[in-house]
Amino acid sequence: MSRYVRGVPEPKMSIFDLGRRKAEVDEFPYCVHLLSDEFEQLSSEVLEGARICCKKYLVEGGGKDAFDIRIRVHPYDVLRINKMLSGVGADRLRRGMCGAYSKPTGTVARVNIGQICDHGEQRGGPRQGC
């Protein structure tokens, strides 16, 4: 929770490490990194989707205990939105940008160019045809 921004929503993602976390380095000879090509903001929903997709792919390839995944970025920055009225007669009720300090809607992780977002290790080799 933030001391200055009240009502920050909880991130949708709660698990950042998966698989065999206490495995030795030599057990997983294959390593994969997911890099960012540009400055961007990744929402907690996007990070959760990437985690689920990586987990499904690695479980199908080698089994439950044949991998280790770490999400390296954490969604700390708060997204805000100025909610506007819509519908019949809304133009008479709203006041545009007057008092436009918005409400928090979600959290994002800021990512730089070349920053590692996701790190995965696997015991077996990469699958053919992927």
Protein backbone atom coordinates (compact mmCIF):
# COMPACT_ATOMS: atom_id res chain seq x y z
CA MET A 1 0.00 0.00 0.00
CA SER A 2 1.12 3.50 -0.73
CA ARG A 3 1.45 6.12 1.93
CA TYR A 4 0.47 8.97 -0.38
CA VAL A 5 -1.94 7.40 -2.88
CA ARG A 6 -5.03 6.10 -1.12
CA GLY A 7 -7.03 3.16 -2.41
CA VAL A 8 -4.35 1.53 -4.57
CA PRO A 9 -5.85 -1.67 -6.03
CA GLU A 10 -4.07 -4.93 -5.31
CA PRO A 11 -2.11 -6.35 -8.26
CA LYS A 12 -3.78 -9.30 -10.00
CA MET A 13 -0.53 -11.22 -9.75
CA SER A 14 0.61 -12.79 -6.48
CA ILE A 15 3.06 -15.53 -7.56
CA PHE A 16 6.38 -14.42 -9.07
CA ASP A 17 8.39 -17.68 -8.74
CA LEU A 18 7.25 -21.08 -10.06
CA GLY A 19 8.65 -24.56 -10.40
CA ARG A 20 11.66 -25.87 -8.49
CA ARG A 21 13.01 -22.73 -6.86
CA LYS A 22 15.59 -24.50 -4.71
CA ALA A 23 17.17 -26.49 -7.54
CA GLU A 24 20.89 -26.30 -8.21
CA VAL A 25 22.19 -24.31 -11.18
CA ASP A 26 23.47 -27.43 -12.99
CA GLU A 27 20.05 -29.12 -13.00
CA PHE A 28 18.61 -26.74 -15.63
CA PRO A 29 21.01 -26.43 -18.60
CA TYR A 30 18.60 -24.45 -20.82
CA CYS A 31 17.81 -20.84 -19.98
CA VAL A 32 15.35 -18.41 -21.65
CA HIS A 33 14.93 -14.66 -21.09
CA LEU A 34 11.99 -12.52 -22.19
CA LEU A 35 13.36 -9.05 -23.08
CA SER A 36 11.61 -5.77 -23.76
CA ASP A 37 12.36 -3.97 -27.05
CA GLU A 38 11.06 -0.56 -25.95
CA PHE A 39 10.08 1.59 -22.98
CA GLU A 40 6.66 0.37 -21.92
CA GLN A 41 4.32 -0.24 -19.03
CA LEU A 42 3.25 -3.84 -18.42
CA SER A 43 0.06 -4.23 -16.41
CA SER A 44 -0.30 -6.88 -13.75
CA GLU A 45 -2.81 -8.69 -16.00
CA VAL A 46 -0.21 -8.95 -18.79
CA LEU A 47 2.42 -10.31 -16.39
CA GLU A 48 -0.05 -12.88 -15.05
CA GLY A 49 -0.90 -13.98 -18.61
CA ALA A 50 2.80 -14.37 -19.46
CA ARG A 51 3.36 -16.44 -16.32
CA ILE A 52 0.44 -18.77 -17.08
CA CYS A 53 1.49 -19.22 -20.72
CA CYS A 54 5.12 -20.01 -19.78
CA LYS A 55 4.01 -22.47 -17.12
CA LYS A 56 1.69 -24.38 -19.49
CA TYR A 57 4.38 -24.57 -22.17
CA LEU A 58 7.08 -25.83 -19.78
CA VAL A 59 4.83 -28.36 -17.98
CA GLU A 60 3.84 -29.89 -21.34
CA GLY A 61 7.48 -30.08 -22.41
CA GLY A 62 9.13 -31.60 -19.37
CA GLY A 63 6.79 -32.21 -16.44
CA LYS A 64 5.92 -30.44 -13.22
CA ASP A 65 9.37 -30.31 -11.62
CA ALA A 66 11.53 -29.85 -14.72
CA PHE A 67 11.56 -26.03 -14.80
CA ASP A 68 11.95 -22.82 -12.86
CA ILE A 69 10.26 -19.51 -13.81
CA ARG A 70 10.86 -16.09 -12.28
CA ILE A 71 8.98 -12.91 -13.16
CA ARG A 72 11.59 -10.21 -12.63
CA VAL A 73 9.46 -7.07 -12.84
CA HIS A 74 6.91 -6.06 -10.21
CA PRO A 75 3.83 -3.87 -10.83
CA TYR A 76 4.36 -0.95 -8.42
CA ASP A 77 3.23 2.09 -10.43
CA VAL A 78 -0.43 3.10 -10.15
CA LEU A 79 -2.65 3.67 -13.20
CA ARG A 80 -5.27 6.39 -12.83
CA ILE A 81 -8.33 7.27 -14.92
CA ASN A 82 -10.65 10.29 -14.96
CA LYS A 83 -14.06 8.66 -15.31
CA MET A 84 -16.45 10.66 -17.50
CA LEU A 85 -20.20 10.40 -17.77
CA SER A 86 -21.72 9.19 -21.00
CA GLY A 87 -25.26 9.02 -22.22
CA VAL A 88 -28.14 11.42 -22.78
CA GLY A 89 -27.68 14.77 -21.06
CA ALA A 90 -24.19 14.00 -19.81
CA ASP A 91 -22.78 17.15 -21.41
CA ARG A 92 -24.89 19.25 -19.03
CA LEU A 93 -23.76 17.33 -15.94
CA ARG A 94 -20.03 16.97 -16.34
CA ARG A 95 -17.51 19.76 -16.07
CA GLY A 96 -14.73 18.48 -18.34
CA MET A 97 -11.24 18.69 -16.86
CA CYS A 98 -12.26 20.79 -13.86
CA GLY A 99 -11.11 18.90 -10.74
CA ALA A 100 -9.77 16.05 -12.87
CA TYR A 101 -7.67 14.28 -10.25
CA SER A 102 -8.49 10.71 -11.14
CA LYS A 103 -9.14 7.43 -9.33
CA PRO A 104 -6.66 4.53 -9.24
CA THR A 105 -7.64 1.63 -11.51
CA GLY A 106 -4.68 -0.76 -11.63
CA THR A 107 -0.94 -1.26 -11.29
CA VAL A 108 1.81 -1.47 -13.91
CA ALA A 109 5.51 -2.28 -14.10
CA ARG A 110 7.71 0.17 -16.00
CA VAL A 111 10.17 -1.62 -18.28
CA ASN A 112 13.27 -0.21 -20.00
CA ILE A 113 14.80 -1.22 -23.33
CA GLY A 114 16.63 -4.54 -22.99
CA GLN A 115 15.37 -5.23 -19.47
CA ILE A 116 14.70 -8.87 -18.57
CA CYS A 117 10.99 -9.32 -17.78
CA ASP A 118 10.80 -13.10 -17.43
CA HIS A 119 13.43 -15.73 -16.74
CA GLY A 120 12.87 -19.46 -17.32
CA GLU A 121 15.07 -22.53 -16.97
CA GLN A 122 14.29 -26.05 -18.17
CA ARG A 123 15.85 -29.47 -17.66
CA GLY A 124 15.17 -30.94 -21.11
CA GLY A 125 16.01 -29.31 -24.41
CA PRO A 126 13.77 -26.95 -26.37
CA ARG A 127 10.87 -28.65 -28.18
CA GLN A 128 11.05 -29.13 -31.93
CA GLY A 129 8.86 -26.97 -34.16
CA CYS A 130 8.48 -24.05 -31.74
